[in-house]
Every structure is written in C-alpha cells, then in structure tokens.
PDB file of N, CA and C in Angstrom:
ATOM      1  N   MET A   1       2.078  -1.631  12.333  1.00  0.00           N
ATOM      2  CA  MET A   1       1.406  -0.579  11.605  1.00  0.00           C
ATOM      3  C   MET A   1       0.974  -1.120  10.237  1.00  0.00           C
ATOM      4  N   PHE A   2      -0.147  -0.652   9.782  1.00  0.00           N
ATOM      5  CA  PHE A   2      -0.722  -1.102   8.518  1.00  0.00           C
ATOM      6  C   PHE A   2      -0.882   0.069   7.556  1.00  0.00           C
ATOM      7  N   ILE A   3      -0.945  -0.259   6.267  1.00  0.00           N
ATOM      8  CA  ILE A   3      -1.208   0.745   5.228  1.00  0.00           C
ATOM      9  C   ILE A   3      -2.511   0.353   4.527  1.00  0.00           C
ATOM     10  N   HIS A   4      -3.432   1.301   4.455  1.00  0.00           N
ATOM     11  CA  HIS A   4      -4.703   1.081   3.756  1.00  0.00           C
ATOM     12  C   HIS A   4      -4.470   1.345   2.278  1.00  0.00           C
ATOM     13  N   LEU A   5      -4.677   0.323   1.439  1.00  0.00           N
ATOM     14  CA  LEU A   5      -4.428   0.429   0.000  1.00  0.00           C
ATOM     15  C   LEU A   5      -5.667   0.813  -0.788  1.00  0.00           C
ATOM     16  N   GLY A   6      -6.813   0.850  -0.124  1.00  0.00           N
ATOM     17  CA  GLY A   6      -8.069   1.160  -0.798  1.00  0.00           C
ATOM     18  C   GLY A   6      -8.965  -0.054  -0.852  1.00  0.00           C
ATOM     19  N   GLU A   7     -10.270   0.193  -0.999  1.00  0.00           N
ATOM     20  CA  GLU A   7     -11.257  -0.888  -1.158  1.00  0.00           C
ATOM     21  C   GLU A   7     -11.143  -1.956  -0.070  1.00  0.00           C
ATOM     22  N   ASN A   8     -11.072  -1.555   1.185  1.00  0.00           N
ATOM     23  CA  ASN A   8     -11.039  -2.478   2.329  1.00  0.00           C
ATOM     24  C   ASN A   8      -9.822  -3.399   2.346  1.00  0.00           C
ATOM     25  N   THR A   9      -8.718  -2.970   1.768  1.00  0.00           N
ATOM     26  CA  THR A   9      -7.498  -3.771   1.756  1.00  0.00           C
ATOM     27  C   THR A   9      -6.410  -3.061   2.552  1.00  0.00           C
ATOM     28  N   VAL A  10      -5.861  -3.766   3.514  1.00  0.00           N
ATOM     29  CA  VAL A  10      -4.744  -3.247   4.299  1.00  0.00           C
ATOM     30  C   VAL A  10      -3.639  -4.293   4.317  1.00  0.00           C
ATOM     31  N   VAL A  11      -2.400  -3.813   4.398  1.00  0.00           N
ATOM     32  CA  VAL A  11      -1.253  -4.709   4.505  1.00  0.00           C
ATOM     33  C   VAL A  11      -0.333  -4.191   5.599  1.00  0.00           C
ATOM     34  N   PRO A  12       0.375  -5.090   6.262  1.00  0.00           N
ATOM     35  CA  PRO A  12       1.354  -4.626   7.247  1.00  0.00           C
ATOM     36  C   PRO A  12       2.457  -3.818   6.559  1.00  0.00           C
ATOM     37  N   LYS A  13       2.814  -2.713   7.168  1.00  0.00           N
ATOM     38  CA  LYS A  13       3.826  -1.831   6.592  1.00  0.00           C
ATOM     39  C   LYS A  13       5.152  -2.551   6.378  1.00  0.00           C
ATOM     40  N   LYS A  14       5.495  -3.454   7.286  1.00  0.00           N
ATOM     41  CA  LYS A  14       6.781  -4.150   7.190  1.00  0.00           C
ATOM     42  C   LYS A  14       6.849  -5.112   6.004  1.00  0.00           C
ATOM     43  N   GLU A  15       5.710  -5.471   5.409  1.00  0.00           N
ATOM     44  CA  GLU A  15       5.689  -6.359   4.253  1.00  0.00           C
ATOM     45  C   GLU A  15       5.829  -5.616   2.925  1.00  0.00           C
ATOM     46  N   VAL A  16       5.697  -4.290   2.930  1.00  0.00           N
ATOM     47  CA  VAL A  16       5.760  -3.510   1.693  1.00  0.00           C
ATOM     48  C   VAL A  16       7.215  -3.373   1.248  1.00  0.00           C
ATOM     49  N   ILE A  17       7.464  -3.774   0.010  1.00  0.00           N
ATOM     50  CA  ILE A  17       8.797  -3.658  -0.580  1.00  0.00           C
ATOM     51  C   ILE A  17       8.892  -2.388  -1.412  1.00  0.00           C
ATOM     52  N   ALA A  18       7.852  -2.114  -2.211  1.00  0.00           N
ATOM     53  CA  ALA A  18       7.870  -0.929  -3.080  1.00  0.00           C
ATOM     54  C   ALA A  18       6.455  -0.489  -3.404  1.00  0.00           C
ATOM     55  N   ILE A  19       6.307   0.828  -3.600  1.00  0.00           N
ATOM     56  CA  ILE A  19       5.068   1.413  -4.096  1.00  0.00           C
ATOM     57  C   ILE A  19       5.441   2.136  -5.381  1.00  0.00           C
ATOM     58  N   LEU A  20       4.896   1.662  -6.495  1.00  0.00           N
ATOM     59  CA  LEU A  20       5.306   2.166  -7.807  1.00  0.00           C
ATOM     60  C   LEU A  20       4.146   2.795  -8.559  1.00  0.00           C
ATOM     61  N   ASN A  21       4.463   3.812  -9.343  1.00  0.00           N
ATOM     62  CA  ASN A  21       3.489   4.484 -10.187  1.00  0.00           C
ATOM     63  C   ASN A  21       3.100   3.553 -11.334  1.00  0.00           C
ATOM     64  N   ALA A  22       1.823   3.321 -11.523  1.00  0.00           N
ATOM     65  CA  ALA A  22       1.343   2.400 -12.555  1.00  0.00           C
ATOM     66  C   ALA A  22       1.711   2.862 -13.960  1.00  0.00           C
ATOM     67  N   GLN A  23       1.724   4.172 -14.202  1.00  0.00           N
ATOM     68  CA  GLN A  23       2.078   4.675 -15.529  1.00  0.00           C
ATOM     69  C   GLN A  23       3.529   4.374 -15.870  1.00  0.00           C
ATOM     70  N   LEU A  24       4.406   4.471 -14.892  1.00  0.00           N
ATOM     71  CA  LEU A  24       5.815   4.179 -15.140  1.00  0.00           C
ATOM     72  C   LEU A  24       6.069   2.693 -15.328  1.00  0.00           C
ATOM     73  N   MET A  25       5.282   1.866 -14.649  1.00  0.00           N
ATOM     74  CA  MET A  25       5.436   0.419 -14.784  1.00  0.00           C
ATOM     75  C   MET A  25       5.120  -0.041 -16.202  1.00  0.00           C
ATOM     76  N   ASN A  26       4.204   0.637 -16.864  1.00  0.00           N
ATOM     77  CA  ASN A  26       3.791   0.214 -18.199  1.00  0.00           C
ATOM     78  C   ASN A  26       4.673   0.749 -19.314  1.00  0.00           C
ATOM     79  N   LYS A  27       5.654   1.579 -18.992  1.00  0.00           N
ATOM     80  CA  LYS A  27       6.509   2.156 -20.033  1.00  0.00           C
ATOM     81  C   LYS A  27       7.723   1.301 -20.350  1.00  0.00           C
ATOM     82  N   SER A  28       8.057   0.385 -19.492  1.00  0.00           N
ATOM     83  CA  SER A  28       9.256  -0.431 -19.673  1.00  0.00           C
ATOM     84  C   SER A  28       8.882  -1.862 -20.051  1.00  0.00           C
ATOM     85  N   ASP A  29       9.600  -2.420 -21.020  1.00  0.00           N
ATOM     86  CA  ASP A  29       9.333  -3.797 -21.435  1.00  0.00           C
ATOM     87  C   ASP A  29       9.610  -4.796 -20.318  1.00  0.00           C
ATOM     88  N   ILE A  30      10.659  -4.552 -19.549  1.00  0.00           N
ATOM     89  CA  ILE A  30      10.992  -5.473 -18.458  1.00  0.00           C
ATOM     90  C   ILE A  30       9.920  -5.436 -17.365  1.00  0.00           C
ATOM     91  N   ASN A  31       9.368  -4.255 -17.115  1.00  0.00           N
ATOM     92  CA  ASN A  31       8.287  -4.148 -16.128  1.00  0.00           C
ATOM     93  C   ASN A  31       7.020  -4.846 -16.620  1.00  0.00           C
ATOM     94  N   LYS A  32       6.729  -4.706 -17.917  1.00  0.00           N
ATOM     95  CA  LYS A  32       5.569  -5.387 -18.496  1.00  0.00           C
ATOM     96  C   LYS A  32       5.725  -6.902 -18.381  1.00  0.00           C
ATOM     97  N   GLU A  33       6.930  -7.380 -18.649  1.00  0.00           N
ATOM     98  CA  GLU A  33       7.217  -8.817 -18.547  1.00  0.00           C
ATOM     99  C   GLU A  33       7.058  -9.300 -17.098  1.00  0.00           C
ATOM    100  N   PHE A  34       7.585  -8.510 -16.152  1.00  0.00           N
ATOM    101  CA  PHE A  34       7.466  -8.832 -14.735  1.00  0.00           C
ATOM    102  C   PHE A  34       6.005  -8.955 -14.322  1.00  0.00           C
ATOM    103  N   MET A  35       5.187  -7.981 -14.704  1.00  0.00           N
ATOM    104  CA  MET A  35       3.779  -7.999 -14.341  1.00  0.00           C
ATOM    105  C   MET A  35       3.035  -9.152 -15.020  1.00  0.00           C
ATOM    106  N   LYS A  36       3.391  -9.436 -16.252  1.00  0.00           N
ATOM    107  CA  LYS A  36       2.759 -10.542 -16.974  1.00  0.00           C
ATOM    108  C   LYS A  36       3.032 -11.867 -16.262  1.00  0.00           C
ATOM    109  N   LEU A  37       4.281 -12.096 -15.876  1.00  0.00           N
ATOM    110  CA  LEU A  37       4.638 -13.324 -15.167  1.00  0.00           C
ATOM    111  C   LEU A  37       3.969 -13.395 -13.796  1.00  0.00           C
ATOM    112  N   ALA A  38       3.907 -12.274 -13.117  1.00  0.00           N
ATOM    113  CA  ALA A  38       3.263 -12.237 -11.802  1.00  0.00           C
ATOM    114  C   ALA A  38       1.773 -12.573 -11.915  1.00  0.00           C
ATOM    115  N   GLU A  39       1.118 -12.045 -12.939  1.00  0.00           N
ATOM    116  CA  GLU A  39      -0.305 -12.334 -13.150  1.00  0.00           C
ATOM    117  C   GLU A  39      -0.517 -13.811 -13.478  1.00  0.00           C
ATOM    118  N   GLU A  40       0.335 -14.353 -14.359  1.00  0.00           N
ATOM    119  CA  GLU A  40       0.210 -15.761 -14.740  1.00  0.00           C
ATOM    120  C   GLU A  40       0.403 -16.691 -13.550  1.00  0.00           C
ATOM    121  N   ASP A  41       1.272 -16.318 -12.638  1.00  0.00           N
ATOM    122  CA  ASP A  41       1.551 -17.149 -11.465  1.00  0.00           C
ATOM    123  C   ASP A  41       0.618 -16.876 -10.290  1.00  0.00           C
ATOM    124  N   GLY A  42      -0.317 -15.948 -10.455  1.00  0.00           N
ATOM    125  CA  GLY A  42      -1.312 -15.672  -9.427  1.00  0.00           C
ATOM    126  C   GLY A  42      -0.829 -14.800  -8.279  1.00  0.00           C
ATOM    127  N   PHE A  43       0.195 -13.993  -8.527  1.00  0.00           N
ATOM    128  CA  PHE A  43       0.738 -13.137  -7.476  1.00  0.00           C
ATOM    129  C   PHE A  43       0.139 -11.735  -7.453  1.00  0.00           C
ATOM    130  N   THR A  44      -0.776 -11.427  -8.373  1.00  0.00           N
ATOM    131  CA  THR A  44      -1.363 -10.087  -8.386  1.00  0.00           C
ATOM    132  C   THR A  44      -2.773 -10.111  -7.813  1.00  0.00           C
ATOM    133  N   SER A  45      -3.141  -8.969  -7.250  1.00  0.00           N
ATOM    134  CA  SER A  45      -4.483  -8.812  -6.709  1.00  0.00           C
ATOM    135  C   SER A  45      -4.977  -7.413  -7.042  1.00  0.00           C
ATOM    136  N   ASN A  46      -5.973  -7.344  -7.921  1.00  0.00           N
ATOM    137  CA  ASN A  46      -6.565  -6.057  -8.266  1.00  0.00           C
ATOM    138  C   ASN A  46      -7.616  -5.751  -7.209  1.00  0.00           C
ATOM    139  N   ILE A  47      -7.374  -4.713  -6.414  1.00  0.00           N
ATOM    140  CA  ILE A  47      -8.251  -4.446  -5.279  1.00  0.00           C
ATOM    141  C   ILE A  47      -9.404  -3.508  -5.601  1.00  0.00           C
ATOM    142  N   THR A  48      -9.604  -3.210  -6.878  1.00  0.00           N
ATOM    143  CA  THR A  48     -10.684  -2.302  -7.252  1.00  0.00           C
ATOM    144  C   THR A  48     -11.352  -2.755  -8.540  1.00  0.00           C
ATOM    145  N   ASP A  49     -12.591  -2.340  -8.710  1.00  0.00           N
ATOM    146  CA  ASP A  49     -13.309  -2.595  -9.956  1.00  0.00           C
ATOM    147  C   ASP A  49     -13.139  -1.442 -10.933  1.00  0.00           C
ATOM    148  N   LYS A  50     -12.535  -0.358 -10.458  1.00  0.00           N
ATOM    149  CA  LYS A  50     -12.344   0.821 -11.303  1.00  0.00           C
ATOM    150  C   LYS A  50     -11.307   0.540 -12.385  1.00  0.00           C
ATOM    151  N   ALA A  51     -11.485   1.184 -13.520  1.00  0.00           N
ATOM    152  CA  ALA A  51     -10.566   0.990 -14.636  1.00  0.00           C
ATOM    153  C   ALA A  51      -9.237   1.716 -14.427  1.00  0.00           C
ATOM    154  N   VAL A  52      -9.241   2.745 -13.583  1.00  0.00           N
ATOM    155  CA  VAL A  52      -8.044   3.554 -13.386  1.00  0.00           C
ATOM    156  C   VAL A  52      -7.175   2.944 -12.290  1.00  0.00           C
ATOM    157  N   LEU A  53      -5.983   2.531 -12.660  1.00  0.00           N
ATOM    158  CA  LEU A  53      -5.002   2.039 -11.695  1.00  0.00           C
ATOM    159  C   LEU A  53      -3.916   3.086 -11.565  1.00  0.00           C
ATOM    160  N   LYS A  54      -3.597   3.449 -10.342  1.00  0.00           N
ATOM    161  CA  LYS A  54      -2.592   4.481 -10.134  1.00  0.00           C
ATOM    162  C   LYS A  54      -1.294   3.943  -9.545  1.00  0.00           C
ATOM    163  N   SER A  55      -1.365   2.792  -8.874  1.00  0.00           N
ATOM    164  CA  SER A  55      -0.133   2.299  -8.261  1.00  0.00           C
ATOM    165  C   SER A  55      -0.100   0.778  -8.171  1.00  0.00           C
ATOM    166  N   PHE A  56       1.130   0.274  -8.097  1.00  0.00           N
ATOM    167  CA  PHE A  56       1.404  -1.125  -7.830  1.00  0.00           C
ATOM    168  C   PHE A  56       2.113  -1.174  -6.497  1.00  0.00           C
ATOM    169  N   ILE A  57       1.651  -2.002  -5.593  1.00  0.00           N
ATOM    170  CA  ILE A  57       2.286  -2.159  -4.292  1.00  0.00           C
ATOM    171  C   ILE A  57       2.855  -3.568  -4.245  1.00  0.00           C
ATOM    172  N   ILE A  58       4.174  -3.652  -4.219  1.00  0.00           N
ATOM    173  CA  ILE A  58       4.841  -4.948  -4.175  1.00  0.00           C
ATOM    174  C   ILE A  58       5.110  -5.287  -2.714  1.00  0.00           C
ATOM    175  N   THR A  59       4.571  -6.416  -2.276  1.00  0.00           N
ATOM    176  CA  THR A  59       4.790  -6.870  -0.900  1.00  0.00           C
ATOM    177  C   THR A  59       5.546  -8.198  -0.943  1.00  0.00           C
ATOM    178  N   THR A  60       5.822  -8.727   0.215  1.00  0.00           N
ATOM    179  CA  THR A  60       6.551  -9.994   0.284  1.00  0.00           C
ATOM    180  C   THR A  60       5.742 -11.165  -0.260  1.00  0.00           C
ATOM    181  N   ASN A  61       4.421 -11.034  -0.328  1.00  0.00           N
ATOM    182  CA  ASN A  61       3.566 -12.141  -0.759  1.00  0.00           C
ATOM    183  C   ASN A  61       2.812 -11.915  -2.060  1.00  0.00           C
ATOM    184  N   LYS A  62       2.566 -10.663  -2.408  1.00  0.00           N
ATOM    185  CA  LYS A  62       1.644 -10.359  -3.502  1.00  0.00           C
ATOM    186  C   LYS A  62       1.929  -8.984  -4.078  1.00  0.00           C
ATOM    187  N   ILE A  63       1.397  -8.739  -5.266  1.00  0.00           N
ATOM    188  CA  ILE A  63       1.441  -7.414  -5.885  1.00  0.00           C
ATOM    189  C   ILE A  63       0.007  -6.911  -5.959  1.00  0.00           C
ATOM    190  N   PHE A  64      -0.246  -5.784  -5.315  1.00  0.00           N
ATOM    191  CA  PHE A  64      -1.578  -5.199  -5.297  1.00  0.00           C
ATOM    192  C   PHE A  64      -1.665  -4.081  -6.320  1.00  0.00           C
ATOM    193  N   LEU A  65      -2.769  -4.034  -7.063  1.00  0.00           N
ATOM    194  CA  LEU A  65      -3.044  -2.969  -8.016  1.00  0.00           C
ATOM    195  C   LEU A  65      -4.072  -2.057  -7.373  1.00  0.00           C
ATOM    196  N   SER A  66      -3.731  -0.786  -7.192  1.00  0.00           N
ATOM    197  CA  SER A  66      -4.565   0.113  -6.410  1.00  0.00           C
ATOM    198  C   SER A  66      -4.963   1.365  -7.188  1.00  0.00           C
ATOM    199  N   PRO A  67      -6.160   1.893  -6.900  1.00  0.00           N
ATOM    200  CA  PRO A  67      -6.588   3.149  -7.503  1.00  0.00           C
ATOM    201  C   PRO A  67      -6.058   4.370  -6.740  1.00  0.00           C
ATOM    202  N   ILE A  68      -5.318   4.136  -5.658  1.00  0.00           N
ATOM    203  CA  ILE A  68      -4.769   5.216  -4.837  1.00  0.00           C
ATOM    204  C   ILE A  68      -3.385   5.587  -5.371  1.00  0.00           C
ATOM    205  N   SER A  69      -3.093   6.888  -5.438  1.00  0.00           N
ATOM    206  CA  SER A  69      -1.811   7.340  -5.980  1.00  0.00           C
ATOM    207  C   SER A  69      -0.657   6.972  -5.041  1.00  0.00           C
ATOM    208  N   PRO A  70       0.546   6.779  -5.593  1.00  0.00           N
ATOM    209  CA  PRO A  70       1.710   6.480  -4.757  1.00  0.00           C
ATOM    210  C   PRO A  70       1.975   7.554  -3.702  1.00  0.00           C
ATOM    211  N   ALA A  71       1.746   8.811  -4.032  1.00  0.00           N
ATOM    212  CA  ALA A  71       1.971   9.898  -3.070  1.00  0.00           C
ATOM    213  C   ALA A  71       1.037   9.772  -1.867  1.00  0.00           C
ATOM    214  N   THR A  72      -0.212   9.439  -2.116  1.00  0.00           N
ATOM    215  CA  THR A  72      -1.171   9.265  -1.030  1.00  0.00           C
ATOM    216  C   THR A  72      -0.808   8.050  -0.179  1.00  0.00           C
ATOM    217  N   LEU A  73      -0.395   6.967  -0.815  1.00  0.00           N
ATOM    218  CA  LEU A  73       0.008   5.782  -0.059  1.00  0.00           C
ATOM    219  C   LEU A  73       1.241   6.065   0.792  1.00  0.00           C
ATOM    220  N   LYS A  74       2.149   6.875   0.266  1.00  0.00           N
ATOM    221  CA  LYS A  74       3.330   7.252   1.043  1.00  0.00           C
ATOM    222  C   LYS A  74       2.915   8.019   2.295  1.00  0.00           C
ATOM    223  N   LYS A  75       1.998   8.965   2.136  1.00  0.00           N
ATOM    224  CA  LYS A  75       1.516   9.730   3.290  1.00  0.00           C
ATOM    225  C   LYS A  75       0.867   8.813   4.317  1.00  0.00           C
ATOM    226  N   ARG A  76       0.137   7.821   3.846  1.00  0.00           N
ATOM    227  CA  ARG A  76      -0.528   6.892   4.756  1.00  0.00           C
ATOM    228  C   ARG A  76       0.481   6.011   5.503  1.00  0.00           C
ATOM    229  N   SER A  77       1.645   5.818   4.919  1.00  0.00           N
ATOM    230  CA  SER A  77       2.627   4.933   5.531  1.00  0.00           C
ATOM    231  C   SER A  77       3.470   5.621   6.602  1.00  0.00           C
ATOM    232  N   ILE A  78       3.424   6.944   6.647  1.00  0.00           N
ATOM    233  CA  ILE A  78       4.218   7.676   7.618  1.00  0.00           C
ATOM    234  C   ILE A  78       3.513   7.639   8.963  1.00  0.00           C
ATOM    235  N   LYS A  79       4.241   7.179   9.943  1.00  0.00           N
ATOM    236  CA  LYS A  79       3.662   7.073  11.282  1.00  0.00           C
ATOM    237  C   LYS A  79       3.601   8.456  11.910  1.00  0.00           C
ATOM    238  N   LYS A  80       2.433   8.833  12.332  1.00  0.00           N
ATOM    239  CA  LYS A  80       2.247  10.131  12.968  1.00  0.00           C
ATOM    240  C   LYS A  80       2.241   9.932  14.476  1.00  0.00           C
ATOM    241  N   GLU A  81       3.162  10.597  15.092  1.00  0.00           N
ATOM    242  CA  GLU A  81       3.226  10.526  16.557  1.00  0.00           C
ATOM    243  C   GLU A  81       2.137  11.423  17.134  1.00  0.00           C
ATOM    244  N   LYS A  82       1.417  10.898  18.071  1.00  0.00           N
ATOM    245  CA  LYS A  82       0.377  11.678  18.736  1.00  0.00           C
ATOM    246  C   LYS A  82       0.847  11.988  20.142  1.00  0.00           C
ATOM    247  N   ASN A  83       0.643  13.199  20.539  1.00  0.00           N
ATOM    248  CA  ASN A  83       0.968  13.580  21.908  1.00  0.00           C
ATOM    249  C   ASN A  83      -0.067  12.966  22.828  1.00  0.00           C
ATOM    250  N   LYS A  84       0.441  12.313  23.848  1.00  0.00           N
ATOM    251  CA  LYS A  84      -0.463  11.717  24.822  1.00  0.00           C
ATOM    252  C   LYS A  84      -0.572  12.647  26.014  1.00  0.00           C
ATOM    253  N   ILE A  85      -1.770  12.950  26.352  1.00  0.00           N
ATOM    254  CA  ILE A  85      -2.022  13.812  27.496  1.00  0.00           C
ATOM    255  C   ILE A  85      -2.606  12.944  28.596  1.00  0.00           C
ATOM    256  N   TYR A  86      -1.924  12.918  29.684  1.00  0.00           N
ATOM    257  CA  TYR A  86      -2.368  12.117  30.808  1.00  0.00           C
ATOM    258  C   TYR A  86      -3.007  13.010  31.860  1.00  0.00           C
ATOM    259  N   SER A  87      -4.195  12.671  32.207  1.00  0.00           N
ATOM    260  CA  SER A  87      -4.840  13.396  33.295  1.00  0.00           C
ATOM    261  C   SER A  87      -4.436  12.733  34.605  1.00  0.00           C
ATOM    262  N   LYS A  88      -4.721  13.376  35.697  1.00  0.00           N
ATOM    263  CA  LYS A  88      -4.384  12.796  36.986  1.00  0.00           C
ATOM    264  C   LYS A  88      -5.080  11.457  37.188  1.00  0.00           C
ATOM    265  N   THR A  89      -6.307  11.334  36.719  1.00  0.00           N
ATOM    266  CA  THR A  89      -7.044  10.067  36.909  1.00  0.00           C
ATOM    267  C   THR A  89      -6.474   8.972  36.034  1.00  0.00           C
ATOM    268  N   SER A  90      -5.915   9.295  34.868  1.00  0.00           N
ATOM    269  CA  SER A  90      -5.363   8.246  34.008  1.00  0.00           C
ATOM    270  C   SER A  90      -4.054   7.709  34.552  1.00  0.00           C
ATOM    271  N   ARG A  91      -3.388   8.473  35.418  1.00  0.00           N
ATOM    272  CA  ARG A  91      -2.144   8.002  36.043  1.00  0.00           C
ATOM    273  C   ARG A  91      -2.416   7.317  37.366  1.00  0.00           C
ATOM    274  N   GLY A  92      -3.679   7.211  37.735  1.00  0.00           N
ATOM    275  CA  GLY A  92      -4.038   6.545  38.960  1.00  0.00           C
ATOM    276  C   GLY A  92      -4.085   7.468  40.160  1.00  0.00           C
ATOM    277  N   GLN A  93      -3.975   8.765  39.934  1.00  0.00           N
ATOM    278  CA  GLN A  93      -4.041   9.724  41.028  1.00  0.00           C
ATOM    279  C   GLN A  93      -5.386  10.421  41.017  1.00  0.00           C
ATOM    280  N   GLN A  94      -5.849  10.805  42.177  1.00  0.00           N
ATOM    281  CA  GLN A  94      -7.122  11.509  42.225  1.00  0.00           C
ATOM    282  C   GLN A  94      -7.007  12.790  42.994  1.00  0.00           C
TER     283      GLN A  94
END
C-alpha cells in the first residue's frame, strides 16, 4: 500500500516512520537542528513549489516536506476494505 504525499509523490506505507505537523517542528530547537542537519546531508525533499508547508513525513530513506495536512495524510494511510461482489460469471459459473 502507498500513501500519496502530494505533487505526484507516493511512498510505500511501510517506509513511513512519522507524519509531523510542520508548525510544531519549527517550535523546538532540537527539531530545527534535526531538520538543518537533514537538509545539509541531502535527506530532505520538498515536494511542492508552494510556500506553505503543512507536514513533514519521515521515512526510512528521506524526509518529505508536504503541503498536505497531517490529518489528511493519516486518512490516506488508512486502508479501506472494499466489499467484493462476485457474480456467477466471475466465479466461473454460468
């Protein structure tokens, strides 16, 4: 299963470690330091040209900066079970 992060970017759900609110990330000195080091080492990927960043998605390989809110990304990550309806022809019966 994959999560769409916005702007044609998808990541496997199993690689996502955390989805964090961008406003909260900027309030802590330790978070600012973490992001600064990640940017310097090339681990960040800004997936939008928009100035508004709403979330940071930390994966096993990279940190994505997204314009999509953490709540919306959470909804996208929930697997929705679909009821499968089998007709007689789909089961091989006629």
